[in-house]
Amino acid sequence: MQILFSSRDASNRSAIASLDVAVDNPANVLNVQRTPVMELGKLGTFDDCGAMPSSVVERDGVRYLYYIGWNVRNTIPYHNSVGLAISEDGGCTYRRLFDGPVMDRTAEEPYFCGTTCVRIENGVWRNWYLSCTGWVEVDGKAEPRYHLKYAESRDGVHWTREGVVAIDYADETEGGLVRASVHYDGKIYRMWYSRRSHIGYRENRAGSYRMGYAESTDGHVWQRLDEQAGLDVSDAGWDSFMVAYPEVTEIGGRLYLFYNGNGFGASGFGYAEASLDSA
C-alpha cells in the first residue's frame, strides 16, 4: 500500500514523498522513495513554495492526486490552493495536470481553500474541503480560521461550490476544522477530521488538534459527534500533544486511521485501527 506524505527541506519548502507499507501490517515499511513524486511548481505559480498531498482517488486505472499548493505571502504568512496531478503507472510517478490550481479563492470565498477529501459516487465527484473564513491578528501574528465545506464535480476538475458548510464551528473559540476523511459503508457516511482552538493551539496542549467525528445519511447534512471519534492524545510520546490530519481507509474488513502527531507531524505519523463492527 502506498502512503503519500510531505516533508520540508532546509528552506522550509514542503514536497510530496512516498512510501510503501505492508497491507496486512502498515507498521512494516517496505520501501521509502527518496525523491519527491513531482517537482515544485514553476516560479510564480500556486505551488512554487511547497506541495502537500491531500486526497487520492482512482478512476479507470488512473490515480488522481489532489494536493495543497503553497505560496509565501507578505501581509499574511501563506496562501493555499488545490492542485491536481495524475499517475498512470500505479503511483510510481505523478504529473501535474495544470500549472494553475483547480480550486482557489473565489468571489464568495475570498481567503483560501485547502485540504480536500474527494470520493466518486455514481459519476459524481464529491469533495469535502477546507475553506478559510478570515484572518485575525493574535499576539502580533496573523492566524487563519477555517471550517469544512462541500462541493461537487462531473469531471474532477471543474467544481460547483455553492457555499454548503459541512462542518461548522462549534463556537467562537474554535478556530480550525480541517482534513476531512469520509468513509461510506453503504448506509452511513462517517467523517473524521481534526479540530483546534482559535488561539494558543501551538503552545497549549488542551487547545491543540484533536480528532473530530460526524455522521450523515447523505453526505450533505452532518451531525457532529466528536466524543465518538475513538482517538485522543496519548499520555506521553509522539502523539501526546496533538493528533491531527486523519486519513481513513478500509482494508480487509478493518478501518485504518492514519494521522499526524505532535508539531503538526514533526514527531511523525502513525495509525490506529478498528474492526468495521466496532467503527
Protein backbone atom coordinates (compact mmCIF):
# COMPACT_ATOMS: atom_id res chain seq x y z
CA MET A 1 0.00 0.00 0.00
CA GLN A 2 1.33 3.40 -0.96
CA ILE A 3 1.28 6.30 1.50
CA LEU A 4 1.93 9.83 0.28
CA PHE A 5 3.19 12.37 2.78
CA SER A 6 5.18 15.59 2.80
CA SER A 7 8.36 16.74 4.47
CA ARG A 8 10.28 20.02 4.37
CA ASP A 9 13.72 20.91 3.07
CA ALA A 10 16.25 23.31 4.59
CA SER A 11 14.37 26.23 3.02
CA ASN A 12 11.12 25.12 4.71
CA ARG A 13 9.55 24.09 1.40
CA SER A 14 7.33 21.01 1.59
CA ALA A 15 7.42 18.32 -1.09
CA ILE A 16 5.37 15.17 -1.63
CA ALA A 17 7.12 11.91 -0.79
CA SER A 18 6.03 8.28 -0.96
CA LEU A 19 6.49 5.09 1.00
CA ASP A 20 5.10 1.57 0.70
CA VAL A 21 3.82 -0.45 3.67
CA ALA A 22 2.53 -3.97 4.03
CA VAL A 23 -1.24 -4.11 3.56
CA ASP A 24 -1.73 -6.51 6.46
CA ASN A 25 0.64 -4.57 8.74
CA PRO A 26 1.12 -0.86 7.94
CA ALA A 27 3.84 -0.63 10.59
CA ASN A 28 6.00 -2.73 8.25
CA VAL A 29 7.61 -0.17 5.92
CA LEU A 30 8.71 -1.90 2.73
CA ASN A 31 10.19 0.98 0.78
CA VAL A 32 10.75 4.72 1.00
CA GLN A 33 11.06 6.74 -2.20
CA ARG A 34 13.94 9.14 -1.68
CA THR A 35 12.96 11.71 -4.29
CA PRO A 36 9.71 13.74 -4.44
CA VAL A 37 6.94 12.28 -6.60
CA MET A 38 6.95 15.58 -8.53
CA GLU A 39 8.87 18.84 -8.52
CA LEU A 40 7.55 22.09 -7.12
CA GLY A 41 5.67 24.41 -9.45
CA LYS A 42 7.20 26.93 -11.81
CA LEU A 43 8.31 30.26 -10.38
CA GLY A 44 5.26 32.39 -9.70
CA THR A 45 2.70 29.56 -9.77
CA PHE A 46 0.46 28.48 -6.91
CA ASP A 47 2.76 25.70 -5.69
CA ASP A 48 6.24 27.17 -6.09
CA CYS A 49 6.79 27.31 -2.29
CA GLY A 50 5.52 23.86 -1.36
CA ALA A 51 3.14 20.98 -2.01
CA MET A 52 1.34 18.59 0.34
CA PRO A 53 -0.80 15.56 -0.59
CA SER A 54 -4.46 15.75 0.34
CA SER A 55 -6.59 13.11 -1.37
CA VAL A 56 -6.14 10.31 -3.91
CA VAL A 57 -8.99 8.77 -5.86
CA GLU A 58 -8.76 6.20 -8.66
CA ARG A 59 -10.84 6.02 -11.83
CA ASP A 60 -10.29 3.78 -14.87
CA GLY A 61 -6.82 2.85 -13.68
CA VAL A 62 -5.69 6.45 -13.22
CA ARG A 63 -4.90 7.88 -9.79
CA TYR A 64 -5.93 11.48 -9.22
CA LEU A 65 -3.91 13.27 -6.55
CA TYR A 66 -5.40 16.44 -5.09
CA TYR A 67 -2.73 18.38 -3.28
CA ILE A 68 -2.22 21.67 -1.42
CA GLY A 69 -0.10 24.27 -3.14
CA TRP A 70 1.75 26.84 -1.02
CA ASN A 71 2.72 30.44 -1.66
CA VAL A 72 4.53 32.62 0.88
CA ARG A 73 2.80 35.99 1.33
CA ASN A 74 3.53 39.44 2.70
CA THR A 75 0.58 40.60 4.81
CA ILE A 76 -0.21 37.03 5.90
CA PRO A 77 2.13 34.04 6.28
CA TYR A 78 0.85 31.95 3.36
CA HIS A 79 -1.82 31.27 0.75
CA ASN A 80 -3.14 27.79 -0.12
CA SER A 81 -4.99 26.43 -3.11
CA VAL A 82 -5.66 22.98 -4.54
CA GLY A 83 -3.79 21.38 -7.42
CA LEU A 84 -4.31 18.15 -9.35
CA ALA A 85 -1.79 15.58 -10.52
CA ILE A 86 -2.31 12.13 -12.01
CA SER A 87 -0.47 8.83 -12.05
CA GLU A 88 -0.92 6.34 -14.87
CA ASP A 89 1.61 3.84 -13.56
CA GLY A 90 0.05 2.80 -10.26
CA GLY A 91 1.51 5.65 -8.24
CA CYS A 92 5.17 5.29 -9.24
CA THR A 93 5.17 8.77 -10.78
CA TYR A 94 2.78 11.70 -10.81
CA ARG A 95 2.49 14.64 -13.18
CA ARG A 96 0.50 17.80 -12.53
CA LEU A 97 -2.33 18.33 -14.98
CA PHE A 98 -2.20 22.11 -14.84
CA ASP A 99 0.24 24.81 -13.80
CA GLY A 100 -2.67 26.50 -12.05
CA PRO A 101 -4.96 25.27 -9.26
CA VAL A 102 -8.29 23.51 -9.77
CA MET A 103 -9.63 25.16 -6.60
CA ASP A 104 -8.71 28.59 -5.26
CA ARG A 105 -10.36 31.52 -3.55
CA THR A 106 -13.46 32.92 -5.25
CA ALA A 107 -15.71 35.96 -5.04
CA GLU A 108 -17.77 34.14 -2.40
CA GLU A 109 -14.80 32.53 -0.61
CA PRO A 110 -12.21 35.33 -0.63
CA TYR A 111 -9.43 33.88 1.55
CA PHE A 112 -8.16 30.41 0.67
CA CYS A 113 -9.15 26.77 0.33
CA GLY A 114 -7.04 23.76 1.14
CA THR A 115 -7.25 20.15 2.19
CA THR A 116 -9.73 18.04 0.25
CA CYS A 117 -11.41 14.68 0.64
CA VAL A 118 -12.59 13.50 -2.78
CA ARG A 119 -14.83 10.50 -3.39
CA ILE A 120 -16.56 9.37 -6.63
CA GLU A 121 -20.15 8.15 -6.32
CA ASN A 122 -22.38 7.31 -9.30
CA GLY A 123 -20.35 9.50 -11.63
CA VAL A 124 -20.32 12.46 -9.23
CA TRP A 125 -17.04 13.65 -7.73
CA ARG A 126 -17.78 14.69 -4.14
CA ASN A 127 -15.42 16.94 -2.21
CA TRP A 128 -15.29 17.97 1.45
CA TYR A 129 -12.69 20.73 1.69
CA LEU A 130 -11.17 23.36 3.96
CA SER A 131 -12.48 26.90 3.47
CA CYS A 132 -10.86 29.83 5.27
CA THR A 133 -13.35 32.36 6.65
CA GLY A 134 -10.83 35.02 7.61
CA TRP A 135 -7.56 36.05 9.21
CA VAL A 136 -7.22 37.68 12.64
CA GLU A 137 -4.10 39.09 14.29
CA VAL A 138 -3.34 37.21 17.52
CA ASP A 139 -0.35 38.30 19.61
CA GLY A 140 1.13 40.04 16.59
CA LYS A 141 0.71 37.05 14.25
CA ALA A 142 -1.94 36.59 11.56
CA GLU A 143 -3.95 33.43 12.29
CA PRO A 144 -6.47 31.87 9.89
CA ARG A 145 -9.85 30.45 10.83
CA TYR A 146 -11.32 27.70 8.65
CA HIS A 147 -14.14 25.17 8.55
CA LEU A 148 -15.28 22.41 6.17
CA LYS A 149 -17.41 22.94 3.06
CA TYR A 150 -18.77 20.69 0.32
CA ALA A 151 -18.50 20.82 -3.50
CA GLU A 152 -19.34 18.58 -6.47
CA SER A 153 -17.93 17.99 -9.95
CA ARG A 154 -18.65 15.93 -13.03
CA ASP A 155 -15.02 15.66 -14.15
CA GLY A 156 -12.91 16.20 -11.02
CA VAL A 157 -11.53 19.46 -12.43
CA HIS A 158 -14.38 21.97 -12.53
CA TRP A 159 -16.09 22.25 -9.15
CA THR A 160 -19.52 23.60 -8.26
CA ARG A 161 -19.16 25.43 -4.96
CA GLU A 162 -22.39 26.75 -3.50
CA GLY A 163 -21.19 27.63 -0.03
CA VAL A 164 -22.53 24.46 1.57
CA VAL A 165 -20.99 24.13 5.03
CA ALA A 166 -20.40 20.50 6.01
CA ILE A 167 -18.89 21.01 9.49
CA ASP A 168 -19.16 24.45 11.10
CA TYR A 169 -17.50 25.94 14.16
CA ALA A 170 -18.94 24.68 17.44
CA ASP A 171 -18.48 28.13 18.97
CA GLU A 172 -16.41 31.30 18.63
CA THR A 173 -13.40 29.74 20.37
CA GLU A 174 -12.98 27.07 17.70
CA GLY A 175 -10.54 28.10 15.01
CA GLY A 176 -9.64 25.17 12.77
CA LEU A 177 -11.67 22.34 11.24
CA VAL A 178 -9.52 20.59 8.70
CA ARG A 179 -8.63 17.43 6.83
CA ALA A 180 -11.94 15.65 6.43
CA SER A 181 -11.77 11.94 5.66
CA VAL A 182 -15.09 10.33 4.70
CA HIS A 183 -15.93 6.63 4.80
CA TYR A 184 -19.25 5.32 3.44
CA ASP A 185 -20.41 1.82 4.32
CA GLY A 186 -23.48 1.83 2.06
CA LYS A 187 -25.74 3.20 4.78
CA ILE A 188 -23.94 5.82 6.83
CA TYR A 189 -21.31 8.39 5.94
CA ARG A 190 -18.69 8.73 8.66
CA MET A 191 -16.28 11.64 8.69
CA TRP A 192 -13.14 12.02 10.75
CA TYR A 193 -11.44 15.41 10.83
CA SER A 194 -9.19 17.44 13.11
CA ARG A 195 -10.26 20.42 15.20
CA ARG A 196 -8.42 23.02 17.25
CA SER A 197 -8.91 26.21 19.25
CA HIS A 198 -8.55 29.59 17.58
CA ILE A 199 -5.71 30.78 19.79
CA GLY A 200 -2.88 29.13 21.69
CA TYR A 201 -3.08 25.85 19.79
CA ARG A 202 0.67 25.74 19.20
CA GLU A 203 1.57 26.23 22.86
CA ASN A 204 -1.46 24.95 24.78
CA ARG A 205 -1.96 21.18 24.77
CA ALA A 206 -5.68 21.47 25.63
CA GLY A 207 -6.30 23.78 22.68
CA SER A 208 -4.27 21.89 20.11
CA TYR A 209 -5.53 19.50 17.46
CA ARG A 210 -7.87 16.71 18.49
CA MET A 211 -9.86 14.25 16.41
CA GLY A 212 -13.40 15.17 15.42
CA TYR A 213 -16.14 12.90 14.12
CA ALA A 214 -19.51 13.31 12.39
CA GLU A 215 -22.16 11.16 10.72
CA SER A 216 -24.55 11.74 7.82
CA THR A 217 -27.11 9.82 5.79
CA ASP A 218 -26.44 11.75 2.57
CA GLY A 219 -23.01 13.35 2.87
CA HIS A 220 -24.60 16.83 2.89
CA VAL A 221 -26.07 17.29 6.36
CA TRP A 222 -23.80 16.19 9.18
CA GLN A 223 -24.22 15.63 12.90
CA ARG A 224 -21.12 16.33 14.95
CA LEU A 225 -20.33 13.51 17.38
CA ASP A 226 -16.81 14.42 18.39
CA GLU A 227 -16.98 12.33 21.55
CA GLN A 228 -17.23 9.24 19.32
CA ALA A 229 -14.05 9.96 17.33
CA GLY A 230 -12.37 6.99 19.00
CA LEU A 231 -8.90 8.52 19.26
CA ASP A 232 -7.33 11.04 21.62
CA VAL A 233 -3.82 12.13 22.54
CA SER A 234 -1.61 9.70 24.41
CA ASP A 235 -0.38 10.28 27.96
CA ALA A 236 3.19 10.54 26.65
CA GLY A 237 5.13 10.18 23.44
CA TRP A 238 4.94 11.26 19.83
CA ASP A 239 1.17 11.96 19.83
CA SER A 240 0.74 13.26 23.40
CA PHE A 241 0.27 16.94 22.42
CA MET A 242 -1.85 16.68 19.29
CA VAL A 243 -3.49 14.24 16.90
CA ALA A 244 -4.18 15.81 13.50
CA TYR A 245 -4.99 15.39 9.81
CA PRO A 246 -6.71 11.98 9.65
CA GLU A 247 -6.97 9.73 6.62
CA VAL A 248 -9.30 6.73 6.99
CA THR A 249 -9.12 3.74 4.67
CA GLU A 250 -10.74 0.30 4.68
CA ILE A 251 -8.54 -2.76 4.25
CA GLY A 252 -9.60 -6.37 4.75
CA GLY A 253 -12.57 -5.68 6.98
CA ARG A 254 -10.73 -3.17 9.14
CA LEU A 255 -10.56 0.62 9.24
CA TYR A 256 -7.15 2.23 9.47
CA LEU A 257 -6.90 5.84 10.60
CA PHE A 258 -3.58 7.43 9.71
CA TYR A 259 -2.78 10.68 11.49
CA ASN A 260 -0.02 13.17 12.36
CA GLY A 261 1.42 13.57 15.82
CA ASN A 262 2.97 16.44 17.76
CA GLY A 263 4.20 19.56 15.99
CA PHE A 264 1.74 19.07 13.12
CA GLY A 265 3.61 15.87 12.27
CA ALA A 266 7.17 16.90 13.20
CA SER A 267 7.21 13.86 15.52
CA GLY A 268 5.99 11.61 12.71
CA PHE A 269 2.75 9.97 11.69
CA GLY A 270 1.13 6.72 12.74
CA TYR A 271 -2.15 4.89 12.66
CA ALA A 272 -4.96 3.41 14.70
CA GLU A 273 -7.18 0.54 13.64
CA ALA A 274 -10.62 -0.86 14.34
CA SER A 275 -12.81 -3.62 13.01
CA LEU A 276 -15.75 -2.43 10.92
CA ASP A 277 -18.12 -3.89 13.51
CA SER A 278 -16.74 -1.54 16.15
CA ALA A 279 -16.15 1.51 13.93
